[in-house]
Amino acid sequence: MNRKVIMLGIAGDSAAGKTTLSKGIVEALGPDQVTAICCDHYHRYNRVQRKQLGISALSPEGNYIDIMEQHFRLLREGQPILKPVYNHSTGDFDAPEYVRPTKFVIVEGLLPFHTRVMRLCFDVKVYLNPPEDLRHKWKIKRDTTKRGYTAEQVRSSLAGRADLSPRYIQPQRAVADMVVRFQPPAGRAEETGGHLDANLVLRPTIPHPDMMDILQHSGNGTQPAMWLELGRYEGKPVDFLEISGNVTADKARELEEVIQGHLPDGRALDLDRLGRFQSGLVEERSYPLALTQLLIAYHMITAGELVFT
């Protein structure tokens, strides 16, 4: 492929936090610099048809995989696409949308890494892997406040497709450069928002920033805000980067500025836009989320240096 665009892929199950993660990166880099696309638009059937046919949107046969392959390749080459539009409010399709890619493209969805052709389109691949009980809480809150479902309908849907994620969604974790897991701190199982810990699996498939330099600034009282451990994940050596849910605003900004200092040419991002998320209809902020988004943006920018210089 003729590389003209830097592409980030974010995969994960329904309500794993894909849109939240990508939104902060878009706003920090600048909406004029980033084109964001959701794979939900490539569903093969509308909501009524899926129910009639007994086909889930989590399965490949419920999506136009071949069209995704084609569109990802076109975007990678800087070419425009006529993107389908799936409306979550109505469960049906709206008129297609003409999309011309910008410097960076973020693709997030259920199956962005399903085929080799799709995987080859991405410079950076991220898999979101929250604990299942936390993801269920997020999904119930999202679908009842934004998509018109009742809590019982959401629980029924989760139970009805529990076998699909291990078959189709979770295998994508093995091809990700980073596996991101937001989880409640020890002893605080009720936490679902701004004070979740972040656990990042950093595979050596992409060059990560100088973490030792960053960790020198991570002191946060009795517990560091961030720490690094060597280990094995799914049988292969990796780095585990842990970010405490108790990191303070001042310490988070200090770490953000250190990470930003590793960006080429002194590039500055809008750090104030990082870490924001919707809790129901209320906007809140998470500093572990902000630091995770910044690390991912670092990889997009450094990959861009190889293409645009």
C-alpha atoms as a PDB file:
ATOM      1  CA  MET A   1       0.000   0.000   0.000  1.00  0.00           C
ATOM      2  CA  ASN A   2       1.078   3.574  -0.695  1.00  0.00           C
ATOM      3  CA  ARG A   3       1.200   5.092   2.796  1.00  0.00           C
ATOM      4  CA  LYS A   4      -0.249   8.595   2.813  1.00  0.00           C
ATOM      5  CA  VAL A   5      -2.110   8.547   6.154  1.00  0.00           C
ATOM      6  CA  ILE A   6      -1.262   7.402   9.697  1.00  0.00           C
ATOM      7  CA  MET A   7      -3.891   4.965  10.964  1.00  0.00           C
ATOM      8  CA  LEU A   8      -4.722   3.927  14.515  1.00  0.00           C
ATOM      9  CA  GLY A   9      -7.011   0.947  15.099  1.00  0.00           C
ATOM     10  CA  ILE A  10      -8.906   0.441  18.357  1.00  0.00           C
ATOM     11  CA  ALA A  11     -10.671  -2.904  18.827  1.00  0.00           C
ATOM     12  CA  GLY A  12     -12.782  -4.223  21.666  1.00  0.00           C
ATOM     13  CA  ASP A  13     -16.151  -5.567  22.686  1.00  0.00           C
ATOM     14  CA  SER A  14     -19.303  -3.478  22.848  1.00  0.00           C
ATOM     15  CA  ALA A  15     -19.042  -0.677  25.455  1.00  0.00           C
ATOM     16  CA  ALA A  16     -15.354  -1.393  26.157  1.00  0.00           C
ATOM     17  CA  GLY A  17     -14.587   2.335  25.891  1.00  0.00           C
ATOM     18  CA  LYS A  18     -13.427   2.557  22.261  1.00  0.00           C
ATOM     19  CA  THR A  19     -15.237   5.786  21.389  1.00  0.00           C
ATOM     20  CA  THR A  20     -14.180   7.437  24.658  1.00  0.00           C
ATOM     21  CA  LEU A  21     -10.542   6.549  24.037  1.00  0.00           C
ATOM     22  CA  SER A  22     -10.558   7.788  20.437  1.00  0.00           C
ATOM     23  CA  LYS A  23     -12.487  11.003  21.157  1.00  0.00           C
ATOM     24  CA  GLY A  24      -9.840  12.396  23.505  1.00  0.00           C
ATOM     25  CA  ILE A  25      -7.082  11.622  21.013  1.00  0.00           C
ATOM     26  CA  VAL A  26      -9.010  13.404  18.253  1.00  0.00           C
ATOM     27  CA  GLU A  27      -9.528  16.513  20.368  1.00  0.00           C
ATOM     28  CA  ALA A  28      -5.924  16.597  21.626  1.00  0.00           C
ATOM     29  CA  LEU A  29      -4.421  16.268  18.148  1.00  0.00           C
ATOM     30  CA  GLY A  30      -7.028  18.611  16.675  1.00  0.00           C
ATOM     31  CA  PRO A  31     -10.269  17.652  14.880  1.00  0.00           C
ATOM     32  CA  ASP A  32      -8.897  19.188  11.680  1.00  0.00           C
ATOM     33  CA  GLN A  33      -6.008  16.695  11.804  1.00  0.00           C
ATOM     34  CA  VAL A  34      -7.927  13.496  12.557  1.00  0.00           C
ATOM     35  CA  THR A  35     -10.655  11.533  10.789  1.00  0.00           C
ATOM     36  CA  ALA A  36     -12.492   9.135  13.131  1.00  0.00           C
ATOM     37  CA  ILE A  37     -14.530   6.208  11.803  1.00  0.00           C
ATOM     38  CA  CYS A  38     -16.556   3.587  13.652  1.00  0.00           C
ATOM     39  CA  CYS A  39     -16.867   0.067  12.250  1.00  0.00           C
ATOM     40  CA  ASP A  40     -20.522  -0.068  13.374  1.00  0.00           C
ATOM     41  CA  HIS A  41     -21.382   1.738  10.150  1.00  0.00           C
ATOM     42  CA  TYR A  42     -20.414  -1.403   8.245  1.00  0.00           C
ATOM     43  CA  HIS A  43     -23.149  -3.578   9.758  1.00  0.00           C
ATOM     44  CA  ARG A  44     -24.718  -5.724   7.064  1.00  0.00           C
ATOM     45  CA  TYR A  45     -28.255  -5.616   8.525  1.00  0.00           C
ATOM     46  CA  ASN A  46     -30.344  -3.151  10.468  1.00  0.00           C
ATOM     47  CA  ARG A  47     -31.592  -3.897  13.984  1.00  0.00           C
ATOM     48  CA  VAL A  48     -34.873  -5.491  12.879  1.00  0.00           C
ATOM     49  CA  GLN A  49     -33.167  -7.684  10.271  1.00  0.00           C
ATOM     50  CA  ARG A  50     -30.538  -8.874  12.766  1.00  0.00           C
ATOM     51  CA  LYS A  51     -33.273  -9.946  15.146  1.00  0.00           C
ATOM     52  CA  GLN A  52     -35.236 -11.727  12.392  1.00  0.00           C
ATOM     53  CA  LEU A  53     -32.152 -13.525  11.065  1.00  0.00           C
ATOM     54  CA  GLY A  54     -30.622 -14.283  14.454  1.00  0.00           C
ATOM     55  CA  ILE A  55     -27.331 -12.674  13.402  1.00  0.00           C
ATOM     56  CA  SER A  56     -25.304 -10.546  15.811  1.00  0.00           C
ATOM     57  CA  ALA A  57     -23.300  -7.439  14.941  1.00  0.00           C
ATOM     58  CA  LEU A  58     -20.409  -9.073  16.835  1.00  0.00           C
ATOM     59  CA  SER A  59     -20.019 -11.766  14.187  1.00  0.00           C
ATOM     60  CA  PRO A  60     -18.252 -11.327  10.832  1.00  0.00           C
ATOM     61  CA  GLU A  61     -21.364 -12.412   8.915  1.00  0.00           C
ATOM     62  CA  GLY A  62     -23.198  -9.460  10.461  1.00  0.00           C
ATOM     63  CA  ASN A  63     -20.789  -6.989   8.850  1.00  0.00           C
ATOM     64  CA  TYR A  64     -19.422  -6.078   5.430  1.00  0.00           C
ATOM     65  CA  ILE A  65     -15.864  -7.236   6.101  1.00  0.00           C
ATOM     66  CA  ASP A  66     -14.862  -6.947   2.437  1.00  0.00           C
ATOM     67  CA  ILE A  67     -16.024  -3.327   2.236  1.00  0.00           C
ATOM     68  CA  MET A  68     -14.115  -2.519   5.426  1.00  0.00           C
ATOM     69  CA  GLU A  69     -10.978  -3.992   3.851  1.00  0.00           C
ATOM     70  CA  GLN A  70     -11.500  -1.889   0.742  1.00  0.00           C
ATOM     71  CA  HIS A  71     -12.210   1.317   2.640  1.00  0.00           C
ATOM     72  CA  PHE A  72      -9.300   0.877   5.058  1.00  0.00           C
ATOM     73  CA  ARG A  73      -6.924   0.484   2.114  1.00  0.00           C
ATOM     74  CA  LEU A  74      -8.314   3.562   0.392  1.00  0.00           C
ATOM     75  CA  LEU A  75      -8.025   5.627   3.546  1.00  0.00           C
ATOM     76  CA  ARG A  76      -4.469   4.371   4.049  1.00  0.00           C
ATOM     77  CA  GLU A  77      -3.619   5.668   0.590  1.00  0.00           C
ATOM     78  CA  GLY A  78      -5.250   9.044   1.266  1.00  0.00           C
ATOM     79  CA  GLN A  79      -8.232   8.351  -0.958  1.00  0.00           C
ATOM     80  CA  PRO A  80     -11.841   9.369  -0.161  1.00  0.00           C
ATOM     81  CA  ILE A  81     -14.576   6.856   0.602  1.00  0.00           C
ATOM     82  CA  LEU A  82     -18.365   6.856   0.562  1.00  0.00           C
ATOM     83  CA  LYS A  83     -18.929   5.564   4.081  1.00  0.00           C
ATOM     84  CA  PRO A  84     -22.206   3.914   5.104  1.00  0.00           C
ATOM     85  CA  VAL A  85     -23.946   5.410   8.149  1.00  0.00           C
ATOM     86  CA  TYR A  86     -25.607   3.285  10.816  1.00  0.00           C
ATOM     87  CA  ASN A  87     -27.904   5.175  13.185  1.00  0.00           C
ATOM     88  CA  HIS A  88     -27.856   3.697  16.700  1.00  0.00           C
ATOM     89  CA  SER A  89     -30.905   5.718  17.717  1.00  0.00           C
ATOM     90  CA  THR A  90     -33.145   4.253  15.010  1.00  0.00           C
ATOM     91  CA  GLY A  91     -31.326   0.960  14.448  1.00  0.00           C
ATOM     92  CA  ASP A  92     -31.387   1.653  10.710  1.00  0.00           C
ATOM     93  CA  PHE A  93     -29.151   3.179   8.039  1.00  0.00           C
ATOM     94  CA  ASP A  94     -28.984   6.825   7.016  1.00  0.00           C
ATOM     95  CA  ALA A  95     -27.611   8.268   3.777  1.00  0.00           C
ATOM     96  CA  PRO A  96     -23.910   7.456   3.170  1.00  0.00           C
ATOM     97  CA  GLU A  97     -21.283  10.065   3.987  1.00  0.00           C
ATOM     98  CA  TYR A  98     -18.414  11.266   1.784  1.00  0.00           C
ATOM     99  CA  VAL A  99     -15.183  11.077   3.816  1.00  0.00           C
ATOM    100  CA  ARG A 100     -11.802  12.394   2.721  1.00  0.00           C
ATOM    101  CA  PRO A 101      -9.072  11.334   5.174  1.00  0.00           C
ATOM    102  CA  THR A 102      -6.924  13.848   7.013  1.00  0.00           C
ATOM    103  CA  LYS A 103      -3.347  13.370   8.241  1.00  0.00           C
ATOM    104  CA  PHE A 104      -4.442  10.864  10.905  1.00  0.00           C
ATOM    105  CA  VAL A 105      -7.267   8.318  10.784  1.00  0.00           C
ATOM    106  CA  ILE A 106      -8.686   6.481  13.787  1.00  0.00           C
ATOM    107  CA  VAL A 107     -10.807   3.393  13.167  1.00  0.00           C
ATOM    108  CA  GLU A 108     -12.566   1.936  16.204  1.00  0.00           C
ATOM    109  CA  GLY A 109     -14.968  -0.947  16.392  1.00  0.00           C
ATOM    110  CA  LEU A 110     -15.702  -4.577  17.052  1.00  0.00           C
ATOM    111  CA  LEU A 111     -13.713  -6.184  14.226  1.00  0.00           C
ATOM    112  CA  PRO A 112     -11.079  -3.779  12.798  1.00  0.00           C
ATOM    113  CA  PHE A 113      -8.296  -6.430  13.009  1.00  0.00           C
ATOM    114  CA  HIS A 114     -10.377  -9.366  11.780  1.00  0.00           C
ATOM    115  CA  THR A 115      -8.364 -10.026   8.603  1.00  0.00           C
ATOM    116  CA  ARG A 116      -4.715  -9.679   7.659  1.00  0.00           C
ATOM    117  CA  VAL A 117      -5.540  -7.039   5.044  1.00  0.00           C
ATOM    118  CA  MET A 118      -7.274  -4.931   7.686  1.00  0.00           C
ATOM    119  CA  ARG A 119      -4.405  -5.320  10.159  1.00  0.00           C
ATOM    120  CA  LEU A 120      -1.808  -4.264   7.601  1.00  0.00           C
ATOM    121  CA  CYS A 121      -3.543  -0.896   7.230  1.00  0.00           C
ATOM    122  CA  PHE A 122      -2.701   0.224  10.768  1.00  0.00           C
ATOM    123  CA  ASP A 123       0.437   1.817  12.163  1.00  0.00           C
ATOM    124  CA  VAL A 124      -0.744   1.329  15.750  1.00  0.00           C
ATOM    125  CA  LYS A 125      -3.190  -1.307  16.993  1.00  0.00           C
ATOM    126  CA  VAL A 126      -4.858  -1.053  20.426  1.00  0.00           C
ATOM    127  CA  TYR A 127      -7.179  -3.563  22.088  1.00  0.00           C
ATOM    128  CA  LEU A 128      -9.431  -2.499  24.982  1.00  0.00           C
ATOM    129  CA  ASN A 129      -9.839  -5.251  27.547  1.00  0.00           C
ATOM    130  CA  PRO A 130     -11.834  -4.146  30.638  1.00  0.00           C
ATOM    131  CA  PRO A 131     -13.115  -6.700  33.167  1.00  0.00           C
ATOM    132  CA  GLU A 132     -16.425  -8.130  32.003  1.00  0.00           C
ATOM    133  CA  ASP A 133     -18.427  -6.960  35.015  1.00  0.00           C
ATOM    134  CA  LEU A 134     -17.190  -3.393  34.490  1.00  0.00           C
ATOM    135  CA  ARG A 135     -17.952  -3.519  30.755  1.00  0.00           C
ATOM    136  CA  HIS A 136     -21.488  -4.729  31.529  1.00  0.00           C
ATOM    137  CA  LYS A 137     -22.025  -1.757  33.851  1.00  0.00           C
ATOM    138  CA  TRP A 138     -20.756   0.620  31.167  1.00  0.00           C
ATOM    139  CA  LYS A 139     -22.986  -0.962  28.527  1.00  0.00           C
ATOM    140  CA  ILE A 140     -26.114  -0.786  30.658  1.00  0.00           C
ATOM    141  CA  LYS A 141     -25.476   2.871  31.465  1.00  0.00           C
ATOM    142  CA  ARG A 142     -24.717   3.792  27.838  1.00  0.00           C
ATOM    143  CA  ASP A 143     -27.542   1.878  26.188  1.00  0.00           C
ATOM    144  CA  THR A 144     -30.188   3.051  28.655  1.00  0.00           C
ATOM    145  CA  THR A 145     -29.179   6.725  28.526  1.00  0.00           C
ATOM    146  CA  LYS A 146     -28.234   7.064  24.846  1.00  0.00           C
ATOM    147  CA  ARG A 147     -29.782   4.249  22.820  1.00  0.00           C
ATOM    148  CA  GLY A 148     -33.275   3.849  24.226  1.00  0.00           C
ATOM    149  CA  TYR A 149     -32.958   0.371  25.727  1.00  0.00           C
ATOM    150  CA  THR A 150     -34.161  -0.785  29.130  1.00  0.00           C
ATOM    151  CA  ALA A 151     -31.674  -2.315  31.564  1.00  0.00           C
ATOM    152  CA  GLU A 152     -33.387  -5.693  31.214  1.00  0.00           C
ATOM    153  CA  GLN A 153     -33.072  -5.564  27.416  1.00  0.00           C
ATOM    154  CA  VAL A 154     -29.347  -4.852  27.701  1.00  0.00           C
ATOM    155  CA  ARG A 155     -28.816  -7.722  30.152  1.00  0.00           C
ATOM    156  CA  SER A 156     -30.724 -10.069  27.865  1.00  0.00           C
ATOM    157  CA  SER A 157     -28.611  -9.008  24.888  1.00  0.00           C
ATOM    158  CA  LEU A 158     -25.383  -9.539  26.838  1.00  0.00           C
ATOM    159  CA  ALA A 159     -26.471 -13.023  27.878  1.00  0.00           C
ATOM    160  CA  GLY A 160     -27.582 -13.947  24.372  1.00  0.00           C
ATOM    161  CA  ARG A 161     -24.246 -13.257  22.718  1.00  0.00           C
ATOM    162  CA  ALA A 162     -21.817 -14.199  25.493  1.00  0.00           C
ATOM    163  CA  ASP A 163     -20.231 -16.893  23.291  1.00  0.00           C
ATOM    164  CA  LEU A 164     -19.487 -14.536  20.373  1.00  0.00           C
ATOM    165  CA  SER A 165     -16.830 -12.349  21.947  1.00  0.00           C
ATOM    166  CA  PRO A 166     -14.438 -15.249  22.708  1.00  0.00           C
ATOM    167  CA  ARG A 167     -14.869 -16.448  19.111  1.00  0.00           C
ATOM    168  CA  TYR A 168     -14.557 -13.194  17.176  1.00  0.00           C
ATOM    169  CA  ILE A 169     -13.657 -10.161  19.300  1.00  0.00           C
ATOM    170  CA  GLN A 170     -11.106 -11.376  21.842  1.00  0.00           C
ATOM    171  CA  PRO A 171      -8.733 -13.092  19.337  1.00  0.00           C
ATOM    172  CA  GLN A 172      -7.836  -9.595  18.073  1.00  0.00           C
ATOM    173  CA  ARG A 173      -6.079  -8.974  21.382  1.00  0.00           C
ATOM    174  CA  ALA A 174      -3.214 -11.199  20.201  1.00  0.00           C
ATOM    175  CA  VAL A 175      -2.331  -8.865  17.302  1.00  0.00           C
ATOM    176  CA  ALA A 176      -2.510  -5.564  19.210  1.00  0.00           C
ATOM    177  CA  ASP A 177       0.577  -3.477  19.911  1.00  0.00           C
ATOM    178  CA  MET A 178      -1.009  -2.276  23.153  1.00  0.00           C
ATOM    179  CA  VAL A 179      -3.633  -3.968  25.321  1.00  0.00           C
ATOM    180  CA  VAL A 180      -5.379  -1.461  27.599  1.00  0.00           C
ATOM    181  CA  ARG A 181      -7.322  -2.509  30.675  1.00  0.00           C
ATOM    182  CA  PHE A 182      -9.116  -0.023  32.923  1.00  0.00           C
ATOM    183  CA  GLN A 183     -10.099  -1.716  36.166  1.00  0.00           C
ATOM    184  CA  PRO A 184     -11.227  -0.823  39.714  1.00  0.00           C
ATOM    185  CA  PRO A 185      -8.430  -0.360  42.270  1.00  0.00           C
ATOM    186  CA  ALA A 186      -7.984  -3.082  44.879  1.00  0.00           C
ATOM    187  CA  GLY A 187     -10.754  -2.917  47.454  1.00  0.00           C
ATOM    188  CA  ARG A 188     -12.902  -0.527  45.397  1.00  0.00           C
ATOM    189  CA  ALA A 189     -15.010  -2.794  43.207  1.00  0.00           C
ATOM    190  CA  GLU A 190     -17.722  -0.130  42.978  1.00  0.00           C
ATOM    191  CA  GLU A 191     -15.475   2.302  41.046  1.00  0.00           C
ATOM    192  CA  THR A 192     -16.515   2.640  37.379  1.00  0.00           C
ATOM    193  CA  GLY A 193     -15.194   6.040  36.321  1.00  0.00           C
ATOM    194  CA  GLY A 194     -12.477   8.596  36.931  1.00  0.00           C
ATOM    195  CA  HIS A 195     -10.455   6.647  39.506  1.00  0.00           C
ATOM    196  CA  LEU A 196     -10.019   3.372  37.648  1.00  0.00           C
ATOM    197  CA  ASP A 197      -6.465   2.043  37.406  1.00  0.00           C
ATOM    198  CA  ALA A 198      -5.022   1.635  33.911  1.00  0.00           C
ATOM    199  CA  ASN A 199      -2.988  -1.454  33.035  1.00  0.00           C
ATOM    200  CA  LEU A 200      -1.180  -1.256  29.684  1.00  0.00           C
ATOM    201  CA  VAL A 201       0.490  -4.208  28.004  1.00  0.00           C
ATOM    202  CA  LEU A 202       3.257  -2.766  25.807  1.00  0.00           C
ATOM    203  CA  ARG A 203       4.396  -5.226  23.166  1.00  0.00           C
ATOM    204  CA  PRO A 204       7.758  -4.648  21.419  1.00  0.00           C
ATOM    205  CA  THR A 205       6.028  -4.449  18.028  1.00  0.00           C
ATOM    206  CA  ILE A 206       6.247  -0.626  18.085  1.00  0.00           C
ATOM    207  CA  PRO A 207       8.971   1.597  19.642  1.00  0.00           C
ATOM    208  CA  HIS A 208       7.691   2.951  22.959  1.00  0.00           C
ATOM    209  CA  PRO A 209       9.008   6.204  24.498  1.00  0.00           C
ATOM    210  CA  ASP A 210      11.782   6.227  27.100  1.00  0.00           C
ATOM    211  CA  MET A 211       9.684   4.976  30.000  1.00  0.00           C
ATOM    212  CA  MET A 212      12.527   5.263  32.536  1.00  0.00           C
ATOM    213  CA  ASP A 213      12.680   8.991  31.894  1.00  0.00           C
ATOM    214  CA  ILE A 214       8.928   9.254  32.459  1.00  0.00           C
ATOM    215  CA  LEU A 215       8.932   7.046  35.549  1.00  0.00           C
ATOM    216  CA  GLN A 216      11.490   9.302  37.261  1.00  0.00           C
ATOM    217  CA  HIS A 217       8.666  11.840  37.605  1.00  0.00           C
ATOM    218  CA  SER A 218       6.032   9.388  38.828  1.00  0.00           C
ATOM    219  CA  GLY A 219       6.442   9.770  42.611  1.00  0.00           C
ATOM    220  CA  ASN A 220       3.017  10.312  44.205  1.00  0.00           C
ATOM    221  CA  GLY A 221       3.360  10.036  47.984  1.00  0.00           C
ATOM    222  CA  THR A 222       3.386   6.445  49.226  1.00  0.00           C
ATOM    223  CA  GLN A 223       2.348   5.052  45.854  1.00  0.00           C
ATOM    224  CA  PRO A 224       3.885   6.056  42.520  1.00  0.00           C
ATOM    225  CA  ALA A 225       1.503   7.396  39.902  1.00  0.00           C
ATOM    226  CA  MET A 226       3.015   5.097  37.280  1.00  0.00           C
ATOM    227  CA  TRP A 227       5.298   2.068  37.372  1.00  0.00           C
ATOM    228  CA  LEU A 228       6.721  -0.461  34.911  1.00  0.00           C
ATOM    229  CA  GLU A 229       7.267  -4.210  35.216  1.00  0.00           C
ATOM    230  CA  LEU A 230       8.691  -6.800  32.858  1.00  0.00           C
ATOM    231  CA  GLY A 231       6.638  -9.936  32.362  1.00  0.00           C
ATOM    232  CA  ARG A 232       4.988 -12.297  29.945  1.00  0.00           C
ATOM    233  CA  TYR A 233       1.580 -11.868  28.372  1.00  0.00           C
ATOM    234  CA  GLU A 234      -0.042 -14.689  26.430  1.00  0.00           C
ATOM    235  CA  GLY A 235       3.319 -16.459  26.464  1.00  0.00           C
ATOM    236  CA  LYS A 236       5.461 -13.601  25.135  1.00  0.00           C
ATOM    237  CA  PRO A 237       7.685 -11.010  26.864  1.00  0.00           C
ATOM    238  CA  VAL A 238       6.126  -7.569  27.342  1.00  0.00           C
ATOM    239  CA  ASP A 239       6.289  -4.488  29.522  1.00  0.00           C
ATOM    240  CA  PHE A 240       3.401  -3.882  31.924  1.00  0.00           C
ATOM    241  CA  LEU A 241       2.766  -0.192  32.546  1.00  0.00           C
ATOM    242  CA  GLU A 242       0.506   0.523  35.521  1.00  0.00           C
ATOM    243  CA  ILE A 243      -1.154   3.927  36.071  1.00  0.00           C
ATOM    244  CA  SER A 244      -2.761   4.508  39.446  1.00  0.00           C
ATOM    245  CA  GLY A 245      -6.364   5.670  39.625  1.00  0.00           C
ATOM    246  CA  ASN A 246      -5.275   7.887  42.520  1.00  0.00           C
ATOM    247  CA  VAL A 247      -2.911  10.021  40.432  1.00  0.00           C
ATOM    248  CA  THR A 248      -3.477  13.692  41.264  1.00  0.00           C
ATOM    249  CA  ALA A 249      -4.207  16.406  38.722  1.00  0.00           C
ATOM    250  CA  ASP A 250      -0.823  18.072  39.320  1.00  0.00           C
ATOM    251  CA  LYS A 251       1.121  14.820  39.017  1.00  0.00           C
ATOM    252  CA  ALA A 252      -0.819  13.830  35.896  1.00  0.00           C
ATOM    253  CA  ARG A 253       0.013  17.173  34.255  1.00  0.00           C
ATOM    254  CA  GLU A 254       3.683  16.759  35.160  1.00  0.00           C
ATOM    255  CA  LEU A 255       3.747  13.308  33.542  1.00  0.00           C
ATOM    256  CA  GLU A 256       1.821  14.569  30.505  1.00  0.00           C
ATOM    257  CA  GLU A 257       4.395  17.310  29.980  1.00  0.00           C
ATOM    258  CA  VAL A 258       7.270  14.803  30.247  1.00  0.00           C
ATOM    259  CA  ILE A 259       5.631  12.522  27.666  1.00  0.00           C
ATOM    260  CA  GLN A 260       4.877  15.496  25.427  1.00  0.00           C
ATOM    261  CA  GLY A 261       8.558  16.426  25.661  1.00  0.00           C
ATOM    262  CA  HIS A 262       9.361  13.190  23.813  1.00  0.00           C
ATOM    263  CA  LEU A 263       7.297  14.264  20.798  1.00  0.00           C
ATOM    264  CA  PRO A 264       9.229  15.289  17.669  1.00  0.00           C
ATOM    265  CA  ASP A 265       9.922  18.981  17.007  1.00  0.00           C
ATOM    266  CA  GLY A 266       8.454  20.117  20.326  1.00  0.00           C
ATOM    267  CA  ARG A 267       4.928  19.413  19.124  1.00  0.00           C
ATOM    268  CA  ALA A 268       2.294  20.516  21.637  1.00  0.00           C
ATOM    269  CA  LEU A 269      -1.095  18.842  22.084  1.00  0.00           C
ATOM    270  CA  ASP A 270      -4.182  20.220  23.804  1.00  0.00           C
ATOM    271  CA  LEU A 271      -3.635  18.391  27.095  1.00  0.00           C
ATOM    272  CA  ASP A 272      -6.824  19.824  28.588  1.00  0.00           C
ATOM    273  CA  ARG A 273      -8.918  17.738  26.181  1.00  0.00           C
ATOM    274  CA  LEU A 274      -7.422  14.447  27.345  1.00  0.00           C
ATOM    275  CA  GLY A 275      -9.150  12.165  29.842  1.00  0.00           C
ATOM    276  CA  ARG A 276     -12.695  13.420  29.409  1.00  0.00           C
ATOM    277  CA  PHE A 277     -15.523  10.895  29.323  1.00  0.00           C
ATOM    278  CA  GLN A 278     -19.295  10.715  29.612  1.00  0.00           C
ATOM    279  CA  SER A 279     -20.794   9.122  32.718  1.00  0.00           C
ATOM    280  CA  GLY A 280     -24.384   8.836  31.565  1.00  0.00           C
ATOM    281  CA  LEU A 281     -25.097  12.409  30.480  1.00  0.00           C
ATOM    282  CA  VAL A 282     -22.408  14.021  32.687  1.00  0.00           C
ATOM    283  CA  GLU A 283     -18.833  14.749  31.540  1.00  0.00           C
ATOM    284  CA  GLU A 284     -16.100  13.678  33.981  1.00  0.00           C
ATOM    285  CA  ARG A 285     -12.319  13.340  33.808  1.00  0.00           C
ATOM    286  CA  SER A 286      -9.878  10.476  34.356  1.00  0.00           C
ATOM    287  CA  TYR A 287      -6.136  11.121  34.557  1.00  0.00           C
ATOM    288  CA  PRO A 288      -5.179   7.470  33.859  1.00  0.00           C
ATOM    289  CA  LEU A 289      -7.321   7.762  30.705  1.00  0.00           C
ATOM    290  CA  ALA A 290      -5.580  11.033  29.790  1.00  0.00           C
ATOM    291  CA  LEU A 291      -2.112   9.502  30.143  1.00  0.00           C
ATOM    292  CA  THR A 292      -3.159   6.447  28.118  1.00  0.00           C
ATOM    293  CA  GLN A 293      -4.531   8.633  25.327  1.00  0.00           C
ATOM    294  CA  LEU A 294      -1.337  10.682  25.285  1.00  0.00           C
ATOM    295  CA  LEU A 295       0.856   7.579  24.990  1.00  0.00           C
ATOM    296  CA  ILE A 296      -1.223   6.383  22.036  1.00  0.00           C
ATOM    297  CA  ALA A 297      -1.061   9.833  20.423  1.00  0.00           C
ATOM    298  CA  TYR A 298       2.726   9.697  20.860  1.00  0.00           C
ATOM    299  CA  HIS A 299       2.829   6.573  18.695  1.00  0.00           C
ATOM    300  CA  MET A 300       0.651   8.158  16.011  1.00  0.00           C
ATOM    301  CA  ILE A 301       2.847  11.255  15.840  1.00  0.00           C
ATOM    302  CA  THR A 302       6.154   9.367  15.788  1.00  0.00           C
ATOM    303  CA  ALA A 303       4.802   7.049  13.075  1.00  0.00           C
ATOM    304  CA  GLY A 304       3.857  10.166  11.139  1.00  0.00           C
ATOM    305  CA  GLU A 305       7.420  11.434  11.272  1.00  0.00           C
ATOM    306  CA  LEU A 306       8.487   8.453   9.166  1.00  0.00           C
ATOM    307  CA  VAL A 307       5.831   9.156   6.531  1.00  0.00           C
ATOM    308  CA  PHE A 308       5.581  12.939   6.361  1.00  0.00           C
ATOM    309  CA  THR A 309       9.275  13.897   6.575  1.00  0.00           C
END
